[in-house]
Amino acid sequence: MAYRYACVLLTVALCATPALSFSAGAPDGACGDMIPQHHTDPQKSAAPYKILLTKKQIKSGEGVTVTVQGNTPKDTIKGLLCQARVGETPVGSFDVPPNNSITQTLDCGNAKKSAVTHKKIIDAPNKISFNWVAPRGLSENVKMTCTIALNGGVFWVKEQSDSLKVN
């Protein structure tokens, strides 16, 4: 009897593993490689999303609104992790109002509010917008870099916006 019970528990545990995801936001362990720990490989196909910026150029210390949007209404967003990067280095900070029901900031390493991620999303939207602020003294081209999840098993890693010139 104990053997049968152990086999049932093991089977349930093994079946549950692929369904694991972070419904309340990305863990800070995903900050570096931006790969969610969903126990499945990222998609290799072109992402059905675009990352849009309200400006092409800003001054250091200024902000820009970022919108991650599906190409069609069925391309909803169940999960999100975004950073502004110069090469592979995250820069700047995100500004998300505390009453926002979809996104929240994430502290990556020692950098406060250096990423934005999703909160628990019940009705996945087709579009999510948030604000990014360039650090003072930055004079570089920045790309918004995002991992976007359609669901726990279907996601695209390190999708990028067009360059944003900061001077």
C-alpha atoms as a PDB file:
ATOM      1  CA  MET A   1       0.000   0.000   0.000  1.00  0.00           C
ATOM      2  CA  ALA A   2       2.799   2.430   0.912  1.00  0.00           C
ATOM      3  CA  TYR A   3       4.530   1.659  -2.405  1.00  0.00           C
ATOM      4  CA  ARG A   4       1.368   2.448  -4.374  1.00  0.00           C
ATOM      5  CA  TYR A   5       0.889   5.725  -2.446  1.00  0.00           C
ATOM      6  CA  ALA A   6       4.516   6.742  -3.111  1.00  0.00           C
ATOM      7  CA  CYS A   7       4.103   6.006  -6.841  1.00  0.00           C
ATOM      8  CA  VAL A   8       0.975   8.175  -7.025  1.00  0.00           C
ATOM      9  CA  LEU A   9       2.726  11.066  -5.243  1.00  0.00           C
ATOM     10  CA  LEU A  10       5.757  10.812  -7.533  1.00  0.00           C
ATOM     11  CA  THR A  11       3.565  10.792 -10.640  1.00  0.00           C
ATOM     12  CA  VAL A  12       1.649  13.876  -9.484  1.00  0.00           C
ATOM     13  CA  ALA A  13       4.894  15.712  -8.687  1.00  0.00           C
ATOM     14  CA  LEU A  14       6.420  14.913 -12.086  1.00  0.00           C
ATOM     15  CA  CYS A  15       3.299  15.976 -13.955  1.00  0.00           C
ATOM     16  CA  ALA A  16       3.032  19.255 -12.048  1.00  0.00           C
ATOM     17  CA  THR A  17       6.608  20.376 -12.751  1.00  0.00           C
ATOM     18  CA  PRO A  18       6.068  21.576 -16.366  1.00  0.00           C
ATOM     19  CA  ALA A  19       3.149  23.722 -15.282  1.00  0.00           C
ATOM     20  CA  LEU A  20       5.198  25.748 -12.821  1.00  0.00           C
ATOM     21  CA  SER A  21       5.544  29.426 -13.614  1.00  0.00           C
ATOM     22  CA  PHE A  22       5.669  32.675 -11.703  1.00  0.00           C
ATOM     23  CA  SER A  23       2.159  34.081 -11.856  1.00  0.00           C
ATOM     24  CA  ALA A  24       3.007  36.954  -9.500  1.00  0.00           C
ATOM     25  CA  GLY A  25       6.045  38.201 -11.430  1.00  0.00           C
ATOM     26  CA  ALA A  26       9.497  37.138 -12.502  1.00  0.00           C
ATOM     27  CA  PRO A  27      11.963  36.136  -9.779  1.00  0.00           C
ATOM     28  CA  ASP A  28      15.115  38.234  -9.456  1.00  0.00           C
ATOM     29  CA  GLY A  29      17.054  35.133 -10.547  1.00  0.00           C
ATOM     30  CA  ALA A  30      15.764  35.755 -14.085  1.00  0.00           C
ATOM     31  CA  CYS A  31      17.326  39.241 -14.285  1.00  0.00           C
ATOM     32  CA  GLY A  32      20.597  38.191 -15.939  1.00  0.00           C
ATOM     33  CA  ASP A  33      19.628  35.851 -18.764  1.00  0.00           C
ATOM     34  CA  MET A  34      15.950  36.884 -18.748  1.00  0.00           C
ATOM     35  CA  ILE A  35      14.907  33.252 -19.098  1.00  0.00           C
ATOM     36  CA  PRO A  36      11.843  32.472 -16.995  1.00  0.00           C
ATOM     37  CA  GLN A  37      12.111  29.357 -14.912  1.00  0.00           C
ATOM     38  CA  HIS A  38       9.094  27.709 -16.568  1.00  0.00           C
ATOM     39  CA  HIS A  39      10.797  24.338 -17.086  1.00  0.00           C
ATOM     40  CA  THR A  40      10.398  24.528 -20.854  1.00  0.00           C
ATOM     41  CA  ASP A  41      12.470  26.015 -23.679  1.00  0.00           C
ATOM     42  CA  PRO A  42      11.773  29.462 -25.163  1.00  0.00           C
ATOM     43  CA  GLN A  43      10.160  29.786 -28.573  1.00  0.00           C
ATOM     44  CA  LYS A  44      12.515  30.047 -31.548  1.00  0.00           C
ATOM     45  CA  SER A  45       9.908  31.529 -33.888  1.00  0.00           C
ATOM     46  CA  ALA A  46       9.404  35.258 -34.381  1.00  0.00           C
ATOM     47  CA  ALA A  47       7.528  36.745 -31.439  1.00  0.00           C
ATOM     48  CA  PRO A  48       3.973  37.931 -32.135  1.00  0.00           C
ATOM     49  CA  TYR A  49       4.683  41.102 -30.133  1.00  0.00           C
ATOM     50  CA  LYS A  50       6.227  44.501 -30.695  1.00  0.00           C
ATOM     51  CA  ILE A  51       7.927  46.800 -28.190  1.00  0.00           C
ATOM     52  CA  LEU A  52       7.076  50.434 -28.908  1.00  0.00           C
ATOM     53  CA  LEU A  53       8.606  53.615 -27.470  1.00  0.00           C
ATOM     54  CA  THR A  54       6.859  57.003 -27.452  1.00  0.00           C
ATOM     55  CA  LYS A  55      10.135  58.752 -28.367  1.00  0.00           C
ATOM     56  CA  LYS A  56      13.261  57.925 -30.365  1.00  0.00           C
ATOM     57  CA  GLN A  57      15.505  60.267 -28.403  1.00  0.00           C
ATOM     58  CA  ILE A  58      15.533  61.622 -24.834  1.00  0.00           C
ATOM     59  CA  LYS A  59      17.938  63.430 -22.542  1.00  0.00           C
ATOM     60  CA  SER A  60      19.501  61.720 -19.548  1.00  0.00           C
ATOM     61  CA  GLY A  61      17.167  61.979 -16.576  1.00  0.00           C
ATOM     62  CA  GLU A  62      14.079  62.024 -18.823  1.00  0.00           C
ATOM     63  CA  GLY A  63      11.549  59.254 -19.327  1.00  0.00           C
ATOM     64  CA  VAL A  64       9.797  57.417 -22.102  1.00  0.00           C
ATOM     65  CA  THR A  65       6.634  55.317 -22.189  1.00  0.00           C
ATOM     66  CA  VAL A  66       7.129  51.727 -23.323  1.00  0.00           C
ATOM     67  CA  THR A  67       4.304  49.605 -24.733  1.00  0.00           C
ATOM     68  CA  VAL A  68       4.517  45.854 -25.255  1.00  0.00           C
ATOM     69  CA  GLN A  69       1.722  44.884 -27.620  1.00  0.00           C
ATOM     70  CA  GLY A  70       0.530  41.753 -29.370  1.00  0.00           C
ATOM     71  CA  ASN A  71       0.314  41.829 -33.158  1.00  0.00           C
ATOM     72  CA  THR A  72      -3.281  40.513 -33.042  1.00  0.00           C
ATOM     73  CA  PRO A  73      -5.982  40.507 -30.324  1.00  0.00           C
ATOM     74  CA  LYS A  74      -5.239  36.825 -29.555  1.00  0.00           C
ATOM     75  CA  ASP A  75      -1.570  37.642 -28.807  1.00  0.00           C
ATOM     76  CA  THR A  76      -2.152  38.356 -25.133  1.00  0.00           C
ATOM     77  CA  ILE A  77       0.486  38.842 -22.443  1.00  0.00           C
ATOM     78  CA  LYS A  78       0.361  36.522 -19.437  1.00  0.00           C
ATOM     79  CA  GLY A  79       3.915  37.254 -18.273  1.00  0.00           C
ATOM     80  CA  LEU A  80       6.518  39.950 -18.784  1.00  0.00           C
ATOM     81  CA  LEU A  81      10.057  40.889 -17.750  1.00  0.00           C
ATOM     82  CA  CYS A  82      11.601  44.046 -19.259  1.00  0.00           C
ATOM     83  CA  GLN A  83      14.877  45.897 -18.770  1.00  0.00           C
ATOM     84  CA  ALA A  84      16.410  48.846 -20.594  1.00  0.00           C
ATOM     85  CA  ARG A  85      19.869  47.705 -21.678  1.00  0.00           C
ATOM     86  CA  VAL A  86      23.059  49.063 -23.161  1.00  0.00           C
ATOM     87  CA  GLY A  87      24.449  45.851 -24.616  1.00  0.00           C
ATOM     88  CA  GLU A  88      23.791  43.344 -21.837  1.00  0.00           C
ATOM     89  CA  THR A  89      23.931  45.927 -19.016  1.00  0.00           C
ATOM     90  CA  PRO A  90      20.641  47.080 -17.470  1.00  0.00           C
ATOM     91  CA  VAL A  91      20.379  50.863 -17.067  1.00  0.00           C
ATOM     92  CA  GLY A  92      17.879  53.304 -15.615  1.00  0.00           C
ATOM     93  CA  SER A  93      14.770  52.623 -13.597  1.00  0.00           C
ATOM     94  CA  PHE A  94      11.097  51.966 -14.124  1.00  0.00           C
ATOM     95  CA  ASP A  95       8.286  54.073 -12.750  1.00  0.00           C
ATOM     96  CA  VAL A  96       5.144  52.077 -12.021  1.00  0.00           C
ATOM     97  CA  PRO A  97       2.335  53.611  -9.941  1.00  0.00           C
ATOM     98  CA  PRO A  98       1.650  51.594  -6.759  1.00  0.00           C
ATOM     99  CA  ASN A  99      -2.008  51.050  -7.711  1.00  0.00           C
ATOM    100  CA  ASN A 100      -1.097  49.470 -11.075  1.00  0.00           C
ATOM    101  CA  SER A 101      -2.824  46.079 -11.242  1.00  0.00           C
ATOM    102  CA  ILE A 102      -0.734  44.582 -14.049  1.00  0.00           C
ATOM    103  CA  THR A 103       2.936  45.548 -13.578  1.00  0.00           C
ATOM    104  CA  GLN A 104       5.409  46.057 -10.758  1.00  0.00           C
ATOM    105  CA  THR A 105       9.082  46.944 -10.516  1.00  0.00           C
ATOM    106  CA  LEU A 106      11.802  44.418  -9.725  1.00  0.00           C
ATOM    107  CA  ASP A 107      15.182  45.109  -8.137  1.00  0.00           C
ATOM    108  CA  CYS A 108      17.843  43.255 -10.116  1.00  0.00           C
ATOM    109  CA  GLY A 109      21.026  42.886  -8.090  1.00  0.00           C
ATOM    110  CA  ASN A 110      21.676  46.149  -6.254  1.00  0.00           C
ATOM    111  CA  ALA A 111      19.860  48.264  -8.841  1.00  0.00           C
ATOM    112  CA  LYS A 112      16.511  49.487  -7.525  1.00  0.00           C
ATOM    113  CA  LYS A 113      13.546  49.311  -9.930  1.00  0.00           C
ATOM    114  CA  SER A 114      15.843  48.173 -12.764  1.00  0.00           C
ATOM    115  CA  ALA A 115      13.225  45.869 -14.297  1.00  0.00           C
ATOM    116  CA  VAL A 116       9.487  45.690 -14.696  1.00  0.00           C
ATOM    117  CA  THR A 117       7.516  42.469 -14.448  1.00  0.00           C
ATOM    118  CA  HIS A 118       3.907  41.321 -14.310  1.00  0.00           C
ATOM    119  CA  LYS A 119       1.707  40.871 -11.302  1.00  0.00           C
ATOM    120  CA  LYS A 120      -0.787  38.029 -11.171  1.00  0.00           C
ATOM    121  CA  ILE A 121      -2.741  38.480 -14.390  1.00  0.00           C
ATOM    122  CA  ILE A 122      -6.256  37.055 -14.504  1.00  0.00           C
ATOM    123  CA  ASP A 123      -7.458  38.427 -17.852  1.00  0.00           C
ATOM    124  CA  ALA A 124      -4.345  38.641 -20.013  1.00  0.00           C
ATOM    125  CA  PRO A 125      -4.235  41.956 -21.903  1.00  0.00           C
ATOM    126  CA  ASN A 126      -3.059  42.436 -25.468  1.00  0.00           C
ATOM    127  CA  LYS A 127      -1.052  45.507 -24.504  1.00  0.00           C
ATOM    128  CA  ILE A 128       0.917  46.657 -21.429  1.00  0.00           C
ATOM    129  CA  SER A 129       2.463  50.122 -20.981  1.00  0.00           C
ATOM    130  CA  PHE A 130       4.898  51.441 -18.380  1.00  0.00           C
ATOM    131  CA  ASN A 131       7.466  54.225 -17.960  1.00  0.00           C
ATOM    132  CA  TRP A 132      11.265  54.064 -17.974  1.00  0.00           C
ATOM    133  CA  VAL A 133      13.578  56.839 -16.773  1.00  0.00           C
ATOM    134  CA  ALA A 134      17.145  57.209 -18.087  1.00  0.00           C
ATOM    135  CA  PRO A 135      19.828  57.708 -15.441  1.00  0.00           C
ATOM    136  CA  ARG A 136      21.532  61.108 -15.232  1.00  0.00           C
ATOM    137  CA  GLY A 137      24.781  61.256 -17.179  1.00  0.00           C
ATOM    138  CA  LEU A 138      23.885  58.441 -19.586  1.00  0.00           C
ATOM    139  CA  SER A 139      24.833  59.065 -23.216  1.00  0.00           C
ATOM    140  CA  GLU A 140      24.210  55.790 -25.059  1.00  0.00           C
ATOM    141  CA  ASN A 141      21.814  53.958 -27.326  1.00  0.00           C
ATOM    142  CA  VAL A 142      19.419  51.919 -25.201  1.00  0.00           C
ATOM    143  CA  LYS A 143      17.189  49.010 -26.228  1.00  0.00           C
ATOM    144  CA  MET A 144      14.201  47.892 -24.243  1.00  0.00           C
ATOM    145  CA  THR A 145      14.733  44.157 -23.820  1.00  0.00           C
ATOM    146  CA  CYS A 146      11.765  41.987 -22.828  1.00  0.00           C
ATOM    147  CA  THR A 147      10.819  38.409 -22.204  1.00  0.00           C
ATOM    148  CA  ILE A 148       7.143  38.012 -23.067  1.00  0.00           C
ATOM    149  CA  ALA A 149       4.965  35.020 -22.159  1.00  0.00           C
ATOM    150  CA  LEU A 150       1.773  34.068 -23.939  1.00  0.00           C
ATOM    151  CA  ASN A 151       1.352  31.482 -21.158  1.00  0.00           C
ATOM    152  CA  GLY A 152       3.545  29.385 -18.835  1.00  0.00           C
ATOM    153  CA  GLY A 153       4.817  27.165 -21.643  1.00  0.00           C
ATOM    154  CA  VAL A 154       4.995  29.603 -24.577  1.00  0.00           C
ATOM    155  CA  PHE A 155       7.370  32.563 -24.243  1.00  0.00           C
ATOM    156  CA  TRP A 156       9.987  34.567 -26.152  1.00  0.00           C
ATOM    157  CA  VAL A 157      13.237  35.729 -24.531  1.00  0.00           C
ATOM    158  CA  LYS A 158      15.117  39.022 -25.004  1.00  0.00           C
ATOM    159  CA  GLU A 159      12.888  40.600 -27.619  1.00  0.00           C
ATOM    160  CA  GLN A 160      14.104  44.144 -28.327  1.00  0.00           C
ATOM    161  CA  SER A 161      12.733  47.539 -29.254  1.00  0.00           C
ATOM    162  CA  ASP A 162      14.303  49.911 -31.721  1.00  0.00           C
ATOM    163  CA  SER A 163      17.178  51.912 -30.269  1.00  0.00           C
ATOM    164  CA  LEU A 164      16.453  54.861 -28.014  1.00  0.00           C
ATOM    165  CA  LYS A 165      19.150  57.532 -28.148  1.00  0.00           C
ATOM    166  CA  VAL A 166      19.895  58.995 -24.719  1.00  0.00           C
ATOM    167  CA  ASN A 167      22.167  62.066 -24.518  1.00  0.00           C
END
